[in-house]
Amino acid sequence: MSIRTAVVALGIALGGAAFAVSAGAGQAAAITPVVAPQDGIYFGVVLDHGETVALQHSPLVGMLNGPLTNEGLFYLDEKSVYNGGQEVDGVVYNDYLEFSGVTAEAAASRSGWIAIALVDPASFAGSPYAIRQVLG
């Protein structure tokens, strides 16, 4: 699979996730799109707590688990159980880290949320995806 195909596939998946999560989160849903090419962020979405919970309870978390776990760069909350692991070239690797687990942890916290973005691999340690987790 070429990088262009991967980007298009993830873009479609993120768009579908944004639609499905906003539909499941009710009228107060407010998925926030993020585009910041100057920072190496091509496109992303910030999911509030309700949207994070809705994503965790949807089949999309399983579909995104593979590519985001294998190729994603995670920025975890300092209270996350997934912090730790081996640091290589400034990137911490944790064998037990999965996108679904990071999402579940944020959904289970009082006001946790996640953000997912397609990013410039040159700016993000070779990863095409960045995932940020904040716990409440």
Protein backbone atom coordinates (compact mmCIF):
# COMPACT_ATOMS: atom_id res chain seq x y z
CA MET A 1 0.00 0.00 0.00
CA SER A 2 1.38 3.36 -0.98
CA ILE A 3 1.55 6.25 1.46
CA ARG A 4 -1.05 8.12 -0.60
CA THR A 5 -3.46 5.16 -0.32
CA ALA A 6 -2.80 4.93 3.43
CA VAL A 7 -3.44 8.65 3.92
CA VAL A 8 -6.66 8.50 1.90
CA ALA A 9 -7.81 5.39 3.78
CA LEU A 10 -7.11 6.93 7.17
CA GLY A 11 -8.70 10.20 6.10
CA ILE A 12 -11.87 8.34 5.15
CA ALA A 13 -11.74 6.39 8.41
CA LEU A 14 -11.26 9.57 10.45
CA GLY A 15 -14.07 11.28 8.58
CA GLY A 16 -16.32 8.29 9.20
CA ALA A 17 -15.26 8.21 12.84
CA ALA A 18 -16.01 11.89 13.22
CA PHE A 19 -19.46 11.44 11.67
CA ALA A 20 -20.31 8.29 13.63
CA VAL A 21 -19.06 9.68 16.91
CA SER A 22 -20.88 12.99 16.48
CA ALA A 23 -24.07 11.13 15.58
CA GLY A 24 -23.72 8.95 18.67
CA ALA A 25 -22.74 11.73 21.05
CA GLY A 26 -25.99 13.68 20.73
CA GLN A 27 -26.75 17.30 20.03
CA ALA A 28 -23.89 18.64 22.13
CA ALA A 29 -21.30 16.96 19.90
CA ALA A 30 -18.61 19.36 18.77
CA ILE A 31 -15.78 17.49 17.09
CA THR A 32 -13.05 20.03 16.57
CA PRO A 33 -11.09 19.72 13.32
CA VAL A 34 -7.40 20.61 13.42
CA VAL A 35 -5.35 21.69 10.42
CA ALA A 36 -1.92 23.19 11.07
CA PRO A 37 0.47 22.59 8.13
CA GLN A 38 3.06 24.91 9.71
CA ASP A 39 3.29 22.38 12.59
CA GLY A 40 3.28 19.33 10.33
CA ILE A 41 -0.39 18.49 11.04
CA TYR A 42 -2.28 17.76 7.83
CA PHE A 43 -5.67 17.01 9.37
CA GLY A 44 -6.91 15.91 12.75
CA VAL A 45 -9.89 15.79 15.07
CA VAL A 46 -10.16 16.52 18.77
CA LEU A 47 -12.82 14.41 20.47
CA ASP A 48 -14.32 15.71 23.71
CA HIS A 49 -15.13 13.28 26.52
CA GLY A 50 -18.55 12.30 25.18
CA GLU A 51 -17.14 11.72 21.71
CA THR A 52 -14.24 9.71 23.13
CA VAL A 53 -16.73 7.50 25.00
CA ALA A 54 -18.83 7.10 21.84
CA LEU A 55 -15.74 6.15 19.82
CA GLN A 56 -14.72 3.62 22.46
CA HIS A 57 -18.15 1.97 22.24
CA SER A 58 -18.17 1.90 18.43
CA PRO A 59 -16.66 -0.67 16.07
CA LEU A 60 -14.42 2.10 14.65
CA VAL A 61 -11.99 1.81 17.57
CA GLY A 62 -11.22 -1.74 16.43
CA MET A 63 -10.79 -0.68 12.80
CA LEU A 64 -8.39 2.10 13.78
CA ASN A 65 -6.54 0.00 16.34
CA GLY A 66 -4.19 -1.68 13.84
CA PRO A 67 -2.82 1.27 11.86
CA LEU A 68 -2.83 3.73 14.76
CA THR A 69 -1.18 1.26 17.15
CA ASN A 70 1.48 0.12 14.70
CA GLU A 71 2.37 3.45 13.12
CA GLY A 72 1.08 6.06 15.55
CA LEU A 73 3.09 8.36 17.78
CA PHE A 74 1.34 8.65 21.15
CA TYR A 75 1.42 11.66 23.45
CA LEU A 76 0.04 10.24 26.68
CA ASP A 77 -1.24 11.91 29.82
CA GLU A 78 1.32 11.70 32.63
CA LYS A 79 -1.20 9.66 34.69
CA SER A 80 -1.64 7.04 31.96
CA VAL A 81 -0.92 3.42 32.85
CA TYR A 82 0.76 3.16 29.44
CA ASN A 83 3.54 5.60 30.32
CA GLY A 84 6.91 3.98 30.58
CA GLY A 85 8.64 1.64 28.24
CA GLN A 86 11.91 1.89 26.38
CA GLU A 87 13.10 5.21 24.97
CA VAL A 88 14.83 5.12 21.57
CA ASP A 89 15.87 8.37 19.87
CA GLY A 90 13.52 10.38 22.07
CA VAL A 91 10.50 8.14 21.39
CA VAL A 92 9.14 5.88 24.14
CA TYR A 93 8.07 2.41 22.98
CA ASN A 94 5.68 0.35 25.07
CA ASP A 95 4.87 -3.22 23.98
CA TYR A 96 1.47 -3.10 25.68
CA LEU A 97 0.28 0.15 24.12
CA GLU A 98 -2.75 -0.03 21.82
CA PHE A 99 -4.96 2.71 20.43
CA SER A 100 -8.03 0.95 21.81
CA GLY A 101 -6.49 0.83 25.29
CA VAL A 102 -5.50 4.51 25.19
CA THR A 103 -9.02 5.41 24.07
CA ALA A 104 -10.61 3.20 26.74
CA GLU A 105 -8.47 4.80 29.44
CA ALA A 106 -9.50 8.30 28.33
CA ALA A 107 -13.16 7.28 28.08
CA ALA A 108 -13.07 5.79 31.59
CA SER A 109 -11.63 8.93 33.17
CA ARG A 110 -13.94 11.70 34.38
CA SER A 111 -13.22 14.17 31.57
CA GLY A 112 -10.63 12.44 29.39
CA TRP A 113 -10.37 13.01 25.68
CA ILE A 114 -8.24 12.09 22.68
CA ALA A 115 -7.11 13.73 19.46
CA ILE A 116 -6.08 11.92 16.28
CA ALA A 117 -4.15 13.53 13.43
CA LEU A 118 -2.54 12.75 10.09
CA VAL A 119 0.88 14.33 10.36
CA ASP A 120 4.08 14.89 8.42
CA PRO A 121 6.32 11.92 9.26
CA ALA A 122 9.40 14.16 8.98
CA SER A 123 8.08 16.26 11.88
CA PHE A 124 6.80 13.37 14.02
CA ALA A 125 9.62 10.81 14.40
CA GLY A 126 8.70 9.01 11.16
CA SER A 127 5.08 8.41 12.14
CA PRO A 128 2.21 9.38 9.83
CA TYR A 129 -0.25 9.54 12.76
CA ALA A 130 -0.21 11.33 16.11
CA ILE A 131 -2.56 10.51 18.97
CA ARG A 132 -2.90 12.70 22.05
CA GLN A 133 -4.51 11.48 25.23
CA VAL A 134 -5.62 13.66 28.14
CA LEU A 135 -7.10 12.16 31.30
CA GLY A 136 -9.44 14.12 33.54
